[in-house]
Amino acid sequence: MDGLPPADRVEVCFAGRSNVGKSSLINALTGRRNLARTSNTPGRTQEINYFTLSSDYYLVDLPGYGFANAPLAVVEAWQHLVKTYLAGRVTLRRAFVLIDSRHGIKPVDEDIMALLDGAAVTFQTVLTKVDKVKPKGLEKTLAQVRGALARHPAAYPELVATSAPKGGGLATLRGIIAGIT
C-alpha cells in the first residue's frame, strides 16, 4: 500500500475475477486501445494500476481475484494487496465489481462484496461481455445478480451492462463516473 500514489483525489476502481474484462473496459471507457494491458491469460494484471482521468480522478485497475496463471505465492500476495486496498483506501469512492454476463456471480465475487460491505465501500455491479450472451441468458444472469445484490448493503442498486468491443453501456458508465464526488 505504501507504493500507491498519494490519496489526493477521488478514486474509482474496477475489481473482478481474472479475465472478466477489467482492463478492456478501462481501455474502452477512455478510448485508448492500449492504456491498460489486456491478455487472454488469467492473472496478467498483477499490480494495482492507476490511470489519471483528470486532476480530480483516478481510474484504478485491480488484479483479478480467483484463478490466475501465476505462482501461488505471487497470487496470494497480490490478492492480499487488493483486499487491503478495497478495505482501507480513504479516497476510494466506488468500486465497480465486474461480473462476466456469461457466468453471473460466483462465490469469490460474494467474498469481495462481503468485504466491501464490511468496509462500507459503495460498489456497483457492471456486467461485461453482454455481446457474447443471448437475450434469455442475459435475463437469467440479471435475475441472479439482482438476487445476490439484495443481500449486500453496500451495493448500489443500478446495474450497468457493457460490451467493451461494441461500446454498449459505455456512455452510461462514463456518466456514472463523472457524477461521483
N, C-alpha and C. Protein backbone atom coordinates (compact mmCIF):
# COMPACT_ATOMS: atom_id res chain seq x y z
N MET A 1 0.82 -1.20 0.00
CA MET A 1 0.00 0.00 0.00
C MET A 1 0.86 1.26 0.00
N ASP A 2 2.06 1.19 0.56
CA ASP A 2 2.90 2.38 0.62
C ASP A 2 3.44 2.79 -0.75
N GLY A 3 3.29 1.94 -1.76
CA GLY A 3 3.73 2.28 -3.11
C GLY A 3 2.66 2.93 -3.95
N LEU A 4 1.48 3.12 -3.39
CA LEU A 4 0.39 3.74 -4.15
C LEU A 4 0.56 5.25 -4.19
N PRO A 5 -0.03 5.90 -5.19
CA PRO A 5 0.03 7.36 -5.25
C PRO A 5 -0.60 7.98 -4.01
N PRO A 6 -0.29 9.25 -3.74
CA PRO A 6 -0.93 9.90 -2.59
C PRO A 6 -2.45 9.88 -2.74
N ALA A 7 -3.13 9.81 -1.63
CA ALA A 7 -4.60 9.80 -1.62
C ALA A 7 -5.09 11.23 -1.73
N ASP A 8 -4.90 11.83 -2.92
CA ASP A 8 -5.19 13.25 -3.11
C ASP A 8 -6.34 13.54 -4.07
N ARG A 9 -7.02 12.49 -4.52
CA ARG A 9 -8.17 12.70 -5.41
C ARG A 9 -9.10 11.49 -5.34
N VAL A 10 -10.27 11.65 -5.89
CA VAL A 10 -11.28 10.59 -5.91
C VAL A 10 -10.76 9.42 -6.73
N GLU A 11 -10.99 8.22 -6.21
CA GLU A 11 -10.62 7.00 -6.93
C GLU A 11 -11.87 6.16 -7.17
N VAL A 12 -11.97 5.63 -8.38
CA VAL A 12 -12.95 4.60 -8.70
C VAL A 12 -12.15 3.42 -9.22
N CYS A 13 -12.47 2.23 -8.73
CA CYS A 13 -11.69 1.07 -9.13
C CYS A 13 -12.56 0.05 -9.83
N PHE A 14 -11.87 -0.81 -10.55
CA PHE A 14 -12.51 -1.90 -11.27
C PHE A 14 -11.96 -3.20 -10.70
N ALA A 15 -12.85 -3.97 -10.08
CA ALA A 15 -12.48 -5.24 -9.46
C ALA A 15 -13.28 -6.35 -10.11
N GLY A 16 -12.72 -7.54 -10.11
CA GLY A 16 -13.45 -8.68 -10.67
C GLY A 16 -12.54 -9.87 -10.81
N ARG A 17 -13.13 -10.99 -11.15
CA ARG A 17 -12.36 -12.22 -11.36
C ARG A 17 -11.37 -12.02 -12.49
N SER A 18 -10.37 -12.85 -12.51
CA SER A 18 -9.40 -12.82 -13.61
C SER A 18 -10.13 -13.03 -14.94
N ASN A 19 -9.75 -12.24 -15.92
CA ASN A 19 -10.29 -12.30 -17.29
C ASN A 19 -11.76 -11.90 -17.42
N VAL A 20 -12.25 -11.11 -16.48
CA VAL A 20 -13.63 -10.64 -16.57
C VAL A 20 -13.73 -9.45 -17.54
N GLY A 21 -12.60 -8.79 -17.82
CA GLY A 21 -12.60 -7.69 -18.77
C GLY A 21 -12.34 -6.33 -18.15
N LYS A 22 -11.67 -6.29 -17.01
CA LYS A 22 -11.39 -5.01 -16.34
C LYS A 22 -10.55 -4.09 -17.22
N SER A 23 -9.43 -4.57 -17.69
CA SER A 23 -8.53 -3.74 -18.49
C SER A 23 -9.18 -3.36 -19.82
N SER A 24 -9.89 -4.28 -20.44
CA SER A 24 -10.58 -3.97 -21.70
C SER A 24 -11.62 -2.89 -21.50
N LEU A 25 -12.33 -2.94 -20.38
CA LEU A 25 -13.34 -1.92 -20.11
C LEU A 25 -12.70 -0.56 -19.89
N ILE A 26 -11.59 -0.51 -19.16
CA ILE A 26 -10.88 0.76 -18.97
C ILE A 26 -10.42 1.32 -20.31
N ASN A 27 -9.88 0.48 -21.17
CA ASN A 27 -9.46 0.94 -22.49
C ASN A 27 -10.64 1.48 -23.28
N ALA A 28 -11.77 0.78 -23.24
CA ALA A 28 -12.95 1.24 -23.99
C ALA A 28 -13.50 2.54 -23.41
N LEU A 29 -13.54 2.65 -22.08
CA LEU A 29 -14.05 3.87 -21.44
C LEU A 29 -13.21 5.09 -21.79
N THR A 30 -11.90 4.90 -21.84
CA THR A 30 -11.01 6.03 -22.09
C THR A 30 -10.78 6.28 -23.58
N GLY A 31 -11.22 5.34 -24.42
CA GLY A 31 -10.99 5.48 -25.86
C GLY A 31 -9.53 5.29 -26.24
N ARG A 32 -8.77 4.64 -25.37
CA ARG A 32 -7.35 4.38 -25.63
C ARG A 32 -7.14 2.88 -25.66
N ARG A 33 -6.83 2.38 -26.81
CA ARG A 33 -6.78 0.94 -27.06
C ARG A 33 -5.79 0.17 -26.19
N ASN A 34 -4.66 0.76 -25.88
CA ASN A 34 -3.61 0.04 -25.15
C ASN A 34 -3.23 0.72 -23.83
N LEU A 35 -4.14 1.46 -23.23
CA LEU A 35 -3.82 2.10 -21.97
C LEU A 35 -3.58 1.06 -20.88
N ALA A 36 -4.55 0.19 -20.67
CA ALA A 36 -4.41 -0.90 -19.70
C ALA A 36 -4.06 -2.17 -20.48
N ARG A 37 -3.10 -2.89 -19.98
CA ARG A 37 -2.63 -4.10 -20.67
C ARG A 37 -3.68 -5.21 -20.55
N THR A 38 -4.03 -5.79 -21.70
CA THR A 38 -5.00 -6.87 -21.74
C THR A 38 -4.33 -8.16 -22.17
N SER A 39 -4.98 -9.27 -21.84
CA SER A 39 -4.45 -10.58 -22.20
C SER A 39 -5.54 -11.62 -22.07
N ASN A 40 -5.39 -12.72 -22.80
CA ASN A 40 -6.30 -13.85 -22.64
C ASN A 40 -5.86 -14.75 -21.51
N THR A 41 -4.68 -14.50 -20.95
CA THR A 41 -4.14 -15.31 -19.86
C THR A 41 -4.63 -14.76 -18.53
N PRO A 42 -5.34 -15.58 -17.73
CA PRO A 42 -5.80 -15.09 -16.42
C PRO A 42 -4.62 -14.72 -15.53
N GLY A 43 -4.72 -13.56 -14.90
CA GLY A 43 -3.68 -13.14 -13.97
C GLY A 43 -2.60 -12.27 -14.57
N ARG A 44 -2.84 -11.67 -15.72
CA ARG A 44 -1.83 -10.82 -16.35
C ARG A 44 -1.60 -9.55 -15.53
N THR A 45 -2.68 -8.93 -15.06
CA THR A 45 -2.54 -7.74 -14.21
C THR A 45 -2.18 -8.23 -12.81
N GLN A 46 -0.99 -7.84 -12.35
CA GLN A 46 -0.50 -8.33 -11.06
C GLN A 46 -0.20 -7.21 -10.07
N GLU A 47 -0.49 -5.99 -10.46
CA GLU A 47 -0.29 -4.84 -9.59
C GLU A 47 -1.52 -3.95 -9.68
N ILE A 48 -1.65 -3.04 -8.73
CA ILE A 48 -2.70 -2.04 -8.80
C ILE A 48 -2.21 -0.96 -9.75
N ASN A 49 -2.95 -0.73 -10.82
CA ASN A 49 -2.56 0.25 -11.84
C ASN A 49 -3.47 1.47 -11.77
N TYR A 50 -2.85 2.63 -11.64
CA TYR A 50 -3.58 3.90 -11.57
C TYR A 50 -3.51 4.60 -12.92
N PHE A 51 -4.65 5.16 -13.33
CA PHE A 51 -4.72 5.96 -14.54
C PHE A 51 -5.34 7.29 -14.17
N THR A 52 -4.67 8.39 -14.52
CA THR A 52 -5.18 9.72 -14.23
C THR A 52 -6.29 10.04 -15.21
N LEU A 53 -7.49 10.18 -14.69
CA LEU A 53 -8.63 10.53 -15.52
C LEU A 53 -8.69 12.05 -15.68
N SER A 54 -8.38 12.75 -14.58
CA SER A 54 -8.31 14.20 -14.57
C SER A 54 -7.56 14.58 -13.31
N SER A 55 -7.44 15.88 -13.05
CA SER A 55 -6.76 16.29 -11.82
C SER A 55 -7.59 15.94 -10.58
N ASP A 56 -8.84 15.50 -10.81
CA ASP A 56 -9.73 15.16 -9.70
C ASP A 56 -9.99 13.67 -9.52
N TYR A 57 -9.62 12.85 -10.53
CA TYR A 57 -10.00 11.44 -10.51
C TYR A 57 -8.85 10.52 -10.94
N TYR A 58 -8.83 9.35 -10.30
CA TYR A 58 -8.04 8.21 -10.77
C TYR A 58 -8.99 7.08 -11.13
N LEU A 59 -8.71 6.40 -12.23
CA LEU A 59 -9.31 5.10 -12.51
C LEU A 59 -8.29 4.08 -12.05
N VAL A 60 -8.72 3.06 -11.34
CA VAL A 60 -7.80 2.08 -10.77
C VAL A 60 -8.16 0.70 -11.29
N ASP A 61 -7.18 0.04 -11.91
CA ASP A 61 -7.32 -1.31 -12.44
C ASP A 61 -6.69 -2.27 -11.45
N LEU A 62 -7.52 -3.12 -10.84
CA LEU A 62 -7.02 -4.06 -9.84
C LEU A 62 -6.71 -5.42 -10.47
N PRO A 63 -5.75 -6.13 -9.88
CA PRO A 63 -5.54 -7.51 -10.32
C PRO A 63 -6.81 -8.33 -10.09
N GLY A 64 -7.02 -9.31 -10.92
CA GLY A 64 -8.19 -10.16 -10.77
C GLY A 64 -8.07 -11.06 -9.56
N TYR A 65 -9.21 -11.43 -9.03
CA TYR A 65 -9.21 -12.40 -7.95
C TYR A 65 -9.71 -13.72 -8.52
N GLY A 66 -9.43 -14.79 -7.82
CA GLY A 66 -9.79 -16.12 -8.32
C GLY A 66 -8.63 -16.73 -9.05
N PHE A 67 -8.91 -17.58 -10.03
CA PHE A 67 -7.86 -18.32 -10.75
C PHE A 67 -6.94 -17.38 -11.51
N ALA A 68 -5.65 -17.72 -11.51
CA ALA A 68 -4.67 -16.96 -12.30
C ALA A 68 -3.53 -17.90 -12.70
N ASN A 69 -2.94 -17.63 -13.86
CA ASN A 69 -1.77 -18.38 -14.31
C ASN A 69 -0.52 -17.71 -13.75
N ALA A 70 -0.27 -17.94 -12.48
CA ALA A 70 0.90 -17.37 -11.80
C ALA A 70 1.20 -18.24 -10.59
N PRO A 71 2.43 -18.18 -10.07
CA PRO A 71 2.76 -18.96 -8.88
C PRO A 71 1.85 -18.59 -7.71
N LEU A 72 1.49 -19.58 -6.92
CA LEU A 72 0.55 -19.39 -5.81
C LEU A 72 0.98 -18.28 -4.87
N ALA A 73 2.26 -18.20 -4.52
CA ALA A 73 2.73 -17.16 -3.59
C ALA A 73 2.51 -15.76 -4.18
N VAL A 74 2.72 -15.63 -5.47
CA VAL A 74 2.53 -14.34 -6.14
C VAL A 74 1.05 -13.97 -6.13
N VAL A 75 0.19 -14.93 -6.45
CA VAL A 75 -1.25 -14.70 -6.46
C VAL A 75 -1.74 -14.30 -5.08
N GLU A 76 -1.29 -15.01 -4.05
CA GLU A 76 -1.69 -14.69 -2.69
C GLU A 76 -1.26 -13.28 -2.30
N ALA A 77 -0.06 -12.87 -2.71
CA ALA A 77 0.44 -11.54 -2.37
C ALA A 77 -0.42 -10.45 -3.02
N TRP A 78 -0.72 -10.60 -4.30
CA TRP A 78 -1.49 -9.53 -4.94
C TRP A 78 -2.94 -9.56 -4.48
N GLN A 79 -3.48 -10.72 -4.16
CA GLN A 79 -4.86 -10.76 -3.68
C GLN A 79 -4.96 -10.13 -2.29
N HIS A 80 -3.93 -10.30 -1.47
CA HIS A 80 -3.90 -9.62 -0.18
C HIS A 80 -3.87 -8.10 -0.38
N LEU A 81 -3.06 -7.65 -1.34
CA LEU A 81 -2.98 -6.22 -1.64
C LEU A 81 -4.34 -5.69 -2.09
N VAL A 82 -5.02 -6.42 -2.96
CA VAL A 82 -6.33 -5.99 -3.45
C VAL A 82 -7.32 -5.87 -2.29
N LYS A 83 -7.34 -6.86 -1.41
CA LYS A 83 -8.27 -6.83 -0.28
C LYS A 83 -7.93 -5.68 0.67
N THR A 84 -6.65 -5.43 0.89
CA THR A 84 -6.24 -4.31 1.75
C THR A 84 -6.66 -2.99 1.13
N TYR A 85 -6.45 -2.85 -0.17
CA TYR A 85 -6.85 -1.64 -0.89
C TYR A 85 -8.36 -1.42 -0.77
N LEU A 86 -9.15 -2.45 -1.07
CA LEU A 86 -10.60 -2.32 -1.07
C LEU A 86 -11.15 -1.98 0.32
N ALA A 87 -10.49 -2.47 1.34
CA ALA A 87 -10.99 -2.26 2.71
C ALA A 87 -10.47 -0.98 3.35
N GLY A 88 -9.43 -0.35 2.76
CA GLY A 88 -8.83 0.74 3.50
C GLY A 88 -8.39 1.98 2.75
N ARG A 89 -8.70 2.13 1.50
CA ARG A 89 -8.27 3.32 0.75
C ARG A 89 -9.29 4.43 0.97
N VAL A 90 -8.89 5.49 1.65
CA VAL A 90 -9.83 6.54 2.06
C VAL A 90 -10.43 7.32 0.90
N THR A 91 -9.74 7.39 -0.23
CA THR A 91 -10.25 8.17 -1.36
C THR A 91 -11.04 7.31 -2.35
N LEU A 92 -11.20 6.03 -2.05
CA LEU A 92 -11.99 5.15 -2.91
C LEU A 92 -13.47 5.47 -2.73
N ARG A 93 -14.08 6.02 -3.77
CA ARG A 93 -15.49 6.42 -3.69
C ARG A 93 -16.44 5.36 -4.22
N ARG A 94 -15.99 4.58 -5.17
CA ARG A 94 -16.84 3.50 -5.67
C ARG A 94 -15.97 2.42 -6.26
N ALA A 95 -16.34 1.18 -5.93
CA ALA A 95 -15.73 0.02 -6.56
C ALA A 95 -16.73 -0.50 -7.58
N PHE A 96 -16.29 -0.64 -8.79
CA PHE A 96 -17.12 -1.28 -9.80
C PHE A 96 -16.72 -2.75 -9.81
N VAL A 97 -17.65 -3.61 -9.43
CA VAL A 97 -17.39 -5.04 -9.39
C VAL A 97 -17.89 -5.61 -10.71
N LEU A 98 -16.96 -6.08 -11.52
CA LEU A 98 -17.29 -6.58 -12.84
C LEU A 98 -17.66 -8.06 -12.77
N ILE A 99 -18.75 -8.39 -13.43
CA ILE A 99 -19.26 -9.76 -13.47
C ILE A 99 -19.42 -10.15 -14.94
N ASP A 100 -18.84 -11.27 -15.31
CA ASP A 100 -18.97 -11.79 -16.67
C ASP A 100 -20.42 -12.23 -16.86
N SER A 101 -21.09 -11.64 -17.84
CA SER A 101 -22.51 -11.92 -18.04
C SER A 101 -22.77 -13.36 -18.46
N ARG A 102 -21.74 -14.07 -18.88
CA ARG A 102 -21.92 -15.48 -19.25
C ARG A 102 -21.95 -16.39 -18.02
N HIS A 103 -21.44 -15.90 -16.88
CA HIS A 103 -21.28 -16.76 -15.72
C HIS A 103 -22.01 -16.29 -14.47
N GLY A 104 -22.34 -15.01 -14.37
CA GLY A 104 -23.01 -14.50 -13.18
C GLY A 104 -22.07 -14.42 -11.98
N ILE A 105 -22.66 -14.19 -10.82
CA ILE A 105 -21.88 -14.03 -9.59
C ILE A 105 -21.47 -15.40 -9.08
N LYS A 106 -20.19 -15.51 -8.75
CA LYS A 106 -19.59 -16.74 -8.21
C LYS A 106 -19.27 -16.50 -6.73
N PRO A 107 -18.98 -17.57 -5.98
CA PRO A 107 -18.65 -17.41 -4.55
C PRO A 107 -17.50 -16.42 -4.29
N VAL A 108 -16.49 -16.39 -5.14
CA VAL A 108 -15.37 -15.47 -4.93
C VAL A 108 -15.83 -14.02 -5.09
N ASP A 109 -16.82 -13.77 -5.95
CA ASP A 109 -17.40 -12.43 -6.07
C ASP A 109 -18.15 -12.07 -4.79
N GLU A 110 -18.89 -13.03 -4.25
CA GLU A 110 -19.62 -12.82 -2.99
C GLU A 110 -18.65 -12.44 -1.87
N ASP A 111 -17.47 -13.07 -1.85
CA ASP A 111 -16.47 -12.76 -0.83
C ASP A 111 -16.03 -11.30 -0.92
N ILE A 112 -15.78 -10.83 -2.14
CA ILE A 112 -15.35 -9.44 -2.34
C ILE A 112 -16.48 -8.48 -1.96
N MET A 113 -17.70 -8.83 -2.33
CA MET A 113 -18.84 -7.98 -1.98
C MET A 113 -19.02 -7.90 -0.47
N ALA A 114 -18.83 -9.01 0.22
CA ALA A 114 -18.92 -9.01 1.69
C ALA A 114 -17.81 -8.15 2.29
N LEU A 115 -16.61 -8.20 1.71
CA LEU A 115 -15.51 -7.34 2.17
C LEU A 115 -15.88 -5.87 2.00
N LEU A 116 -16.46 -5.51 0.87
CA LEU A 116 -16.87 -4.13 0.61
C LEU A 116 -17.99 -3.71 1.56
N ASP A 117 -18.93 -4.61 1.83
CA ASP A 117 -19.98 -4.32 2.82
C ASP A 117 -19.34 -3.97 4.16
N GLY A 118 -18.41 -4.82 4.60
CA GLY A 118 -17.76 -4.63 5.90
C GLY A 118 -16.96 -3.35 5.99
N ALA A 119 -16.39 -2.93 4.86
CA ALA A 119 -15.59 -1.70 4.83
C ALA A 119 -16.45 -0.47 4.52
N ALA A 120 -17.74 -0.67 4.30
CA ALA A 120 -18.67 0.40 3.95
C ALA A 120 -18.23 1.14 2.70
N VAL A 121 -17.75 0.37 1.71
CA VAL A 121 -17.37 0.94 0.41
C VAL A 121 -18.51 0.64 -0.57
N THR A 122 -19.10 1.69 -1.10
CA THR A 122 -20.17 1.51 -2.07
C THR A 122 -19.61 0.83 -3.31
N PHE A 123 -20.32 -0.19 -3.77
CA PHE A 123 -19.91 -0.83 -5.01
C PHE A 123 -21.07 -0.93 -5.97
N GLN A 124 -20.74 -0.97 -7.23
CA GLN A 124 -21.74 -1.07 -8.28
C GLN A 124 -21.33 -2.20 -9.21
N THR A 125 -22.30 -2.99 -9.59
CA THR A 125 -22.02 -4.14 -10.44
C THR A 125 -22.12 -3.74 -11.91
N VAL A 126 -21.09 -4.17 -12.65
CA VAL A 126 -21.03 -3.94 -14.08
C VAL A 126 -20.95 -5.31 -14.75
N LEU A 127 -21.94 -5.61 -15.57
CA LEU A 127 -21.89 -6.85 -16.34
C LEU A 127 -21.04 -6.60 -17.58
N THR A 128 -20.11 -7.50 -17.83
CA THR A 128 -19.24 -7.39 -19.00
C THR A 128 -19.61 -8.46 -20.02
N LYS A 129 -19.14 -8.24 -21.23
CA LYS A 129 -19.26 -9.23 -22.31
C LYS A 129 -20.71 -9.56 -22.65
N VAL A 130 -21.60 -8.57 -22.53
CA VAL A 130 -23.01 -8.83 -22.83
C VAL A 130 -23.23 -9.16 -24.30
N ASP A 131 -22.28 -8.79 -25.15
CA ASP A 131 -22.40 -9.12 -26.56
C ASP A 131 -22.21 -10.61 -26.83
N LYS A 132 -21.75 -11.35 -25.84
CA LYS A 132 -21.49 -12.78 -26.00
C LYS A 132 -22.60 -13.65 -25.42
N VAL A 133 -23.70 -13.02 -25.00
CA VAL A 133 -24.80 -13.75 -24.36
C VAL A 133 -26.10 -13.48 -25.12
N LYS A 134 -26.88 -14.52 -25.28
CA LYS A 134 -28.19 -14.36 -25.91
C LYS A 134 -29.13 -13.68 -24.92
N PRO A 135 -30.18 -13.00 -25.42
CA PRO A 135 -31.08 -12.25 -24.53
C PRO A 135 -31.63 -13.06 -23.36
N LYS A 136 -32.05 -14.31 -23.59
CA LYS A 136 -32.60 -15.11 -22.48
C LYS A 136 -31.52 -15.42 -21.44
N GLY A 137 -30.30 -15.67 -21.89
CA GLY A 137 -29.20 -15.92 -20.97
C GLY A 137 -28.88 -14.68 -20.15
N LEU A 138 -28.96 -13.51 -20.79
CA LEU A 138 -28.71 -12.26 -20.09
C LEU A 138 -29.80 -12.00 -19.05
N GLU A 139 -31.05 -12.28 -19.38
CA GLU A 139 -32.14 -12.12 -18.42
C GLU A 139 -31.91 -13.00 -17.19
N LYS A 140 -31.47 -14.22 -17.42
CA LYS A 140 -31.20 -15.15 -16.31
C LYS A 140 -30.07 -14.62 -15.42
N THR A 141 -29.01 -14.12 -16.06
CA THR A 141 -27.89 -13.57 -15.30
C THR A 141 -28.32 -12.34 -14.52
N LEU A 142 -29.08 -11.46 -15.14
CA LEU A 142 -29.56 -10.26 -14.45
C LEU A 142 -30.38 -10.62 -13.21
N ALA A 143 -31.23 -11.62 -13.32
CA ALA A 143 -32.05 -12.05 -12.18
C ALA A 143 -31.15 -12.60 -11.07
N GLN A 144 -30.15 -13.40 -11.44
CA GLN A 144 -29.24 -13.97 -10.45
C GLN A 144 -28.45 -12.87 -9.75
N VAL A 145 -27.96 -11.90 -10.51
CA VAL A 145 -27.17 -10.80 -9.95
C VAL A 145 -28.03 -9.94 -9.03
N ARG A 146 -29.22 -9.59 -9.47
CA ARG A 146 -30.11 -8.77 -8.63
C ARG A 146 -30.43 -9.47 -7.32
N GLY A 147 -30.67 -10.77 -7.39
CA GLY A 147 -30.94 -11.54 -6.17
C GLY A 147 -29.76 -11.52 -5.22
N ALA A 148 -28.56 -11.68 -5.75
CA ALA A 148 -27.35 -11.67 -4.92
C ALA A 148 -27.12 -10.28 -4.32
N LEU A 149 -27.31 -9.23 -5.10
CA LEU A 149 -27.05 -7.87 -4.62
C LEU A 149 -28.01 -7.45 -3.52
N ALA A 150 -29.19 -8.02 -3.49
CA ALA A 150 -30.18 -7.67 -2.46
C ALA A 150 -29.65 -8.01 -1.06
N ARG A 151 -28.68 -8.89 -0.97
CA ARG A 151 -28.10 -9.29 0.32
C ARG A 151 -26.92 -8.41 0.74
N HIS A 152 -26.57 -7.41 -0.06
CA HIS A 152 -25.38 -6.60 0.21
C HIS A 152 -25.75 -5.14 0.43
N PRO A 153 -25.60 -4.65 1.67
CA PRO A 153 -26.00 -3.26 1.95
C PRO A 153 -25.14 -2.21 1.24
N ALA A 154 -23.93 -2.52 0.85
CA ALA A 154 -23.09 -1.53 0.18
C ALA A 154 -23.30 -1.49 -1.33
N ALA A 155 -24.16 -2.39 -1.83
CA ALA A 155 -24.38 -2.47 -3.28
C ALA A 155 -25.23 -1.30 -3.77
N TYR A 156 -24.76 -0.65 -4.80
CA TYR A 156 -25.52 0.39 -5.47
C TYR A 156 -26.57 -0.32 -6.33
N PRO A 157 -27.80 0.13 -6.33
CA PRO A 157 -28.87 -0.65 -6.97
C PRO A 157 -28.82 -0.74 -8.50
N GLU A 158 -28.22 0.24 -9.17
CA GLU A 158 -28.24 0.25 -10.63
C GLU A 158 -27.16 -0.66 -11.20
N LEU A 159 -27.57 -1.59 -12.07
CA LEU A 159 -26.62 -2.44 -12.80
C LEU A 159 -26.31 -1.78 -14.13
N VAL A 160 -25.08 -1.99 -14.60
CA VAL A 160 -24.69 -1.47 -15.91
C VAL A 160 -24.23 -2.65 -16.75
N ALA A 161 -24.86 -2.84 -17.91
CA ALA A 161 -24.48 -3.91 -18.83
C ALA A 161 -23.59 -3.31 -19.91
N THR A 162 -22.40 -3.92 -20.10
CA THR A 162 -21.43 -3.34 -21.04
C THR A 162 -20.90 -4.37 -22.03
N SER A 163 -20.41 -3.83 -23.12
CA SER A 163 -19.65 -4.58 -24.11
C SER A 163 -18.49 -3.68 -24.54
N ALA A 164 -17.29 -4.02 -24.10
CA ALA A 164 -16.14 -3.19 -24.47
C ALA A 164 -15.93 -3.12 -25.98
N PRO A 165 -15.97 -4.23 -26.72
CA PRO A 165 -15.70 -4.13 -28.16
C PRO A 165 -16.81 -3.43 -28.94
N LYS A 166 -18.05 -3.53 -28.48
CA LYS A 166 -19.16 -2.93 -29.23
C LYS A 166 -19.61 -1.59 -28.67
N GLY A 167 -19.06 -1.20 -27.50
CA GLY A 167 -19.37 0.10 -26.91
C GLY A 167 -20.65 0.15 -26.10
N GLY A 168 -21.33 -0.95 -25.94
CA GLY A 168 -22.57 -0.97 -25.18
C GLY A 168 -22.38 -0.58 -23.73
N GLY A 169 -23.20 0.32 -23.24
CA GLY A 169 -23.18 0.72 -21.84
C GLY A 169 -22.07 1.68 -21.45
N LEU A 170 -21.16 1.99 -22.36
CA LEU A 170 -20.02 2.84 -22.01
C LEU A 170 -20.43 4.27 -21.67
N ALA A 171 -21.37 4.83 -22.44
CA ALA A 171 -21.82 6.20 -22.15
C ALA A 171 -22.48 6.27 -20.77
N THR A 172 -23.25 5.26 -20.43
CA THR A 172 -23.89 5.21 -19.11
C THR A 172 -22.84 5.17 -18.02
N LEU A 173 -21.85 4.28 -18.18
CA LEU A 173 -20.80 4.14 -17.17
C LEU A 173 -19.96 5.41 -17.06
N ARG A 174 -19.66 6.04 -18.18
CA ARG A 174 -18.93 7.32 -18.13
C ARG A 174 -19.72 8.36 -17.34
N GLY A 175 -21.03 8.43 -17.56
CA GLY A 175 -21.87 9.37 -16.84
C GLY A 175 -21.89 9.11 -15.35
N ILE A 176 -21.93 7.84 -14.98
CA ILE A 176 -21.91 7.46 -13.56
C ILE A 176 -20.60 7.92 -12.93
N ILE A 177 -19.49 7.63 -13.59
CA ILE A 177 -18.17 8.00 -13.06
C ILE A 177 -18.07 9.52 -12.92
N ALA A 178 -18.55 10.26 -13.92
CA ALA A 178 -18.48 11.71 -13.89
C ALA A 178 -19.28 12.30 -12.72
N GLY A 179 -20.33 11.58 -12.28
CA GLY A 179 -21.16 12.07 -11.19
C GLY A 179 -20.66 11.71 -9.79
N ILE A 180 -19.57 10.95 -9.70
CA ILE A 180 -19.06 10.54 -8.40
C ILE A 180 -18.15 11.63 -7.85
N THR A 181 -18.41 12.06 -6.61
CA THR A 181 -17.57 13.09 -5.99
C THR A 181 -17.03 12.61 -4.67
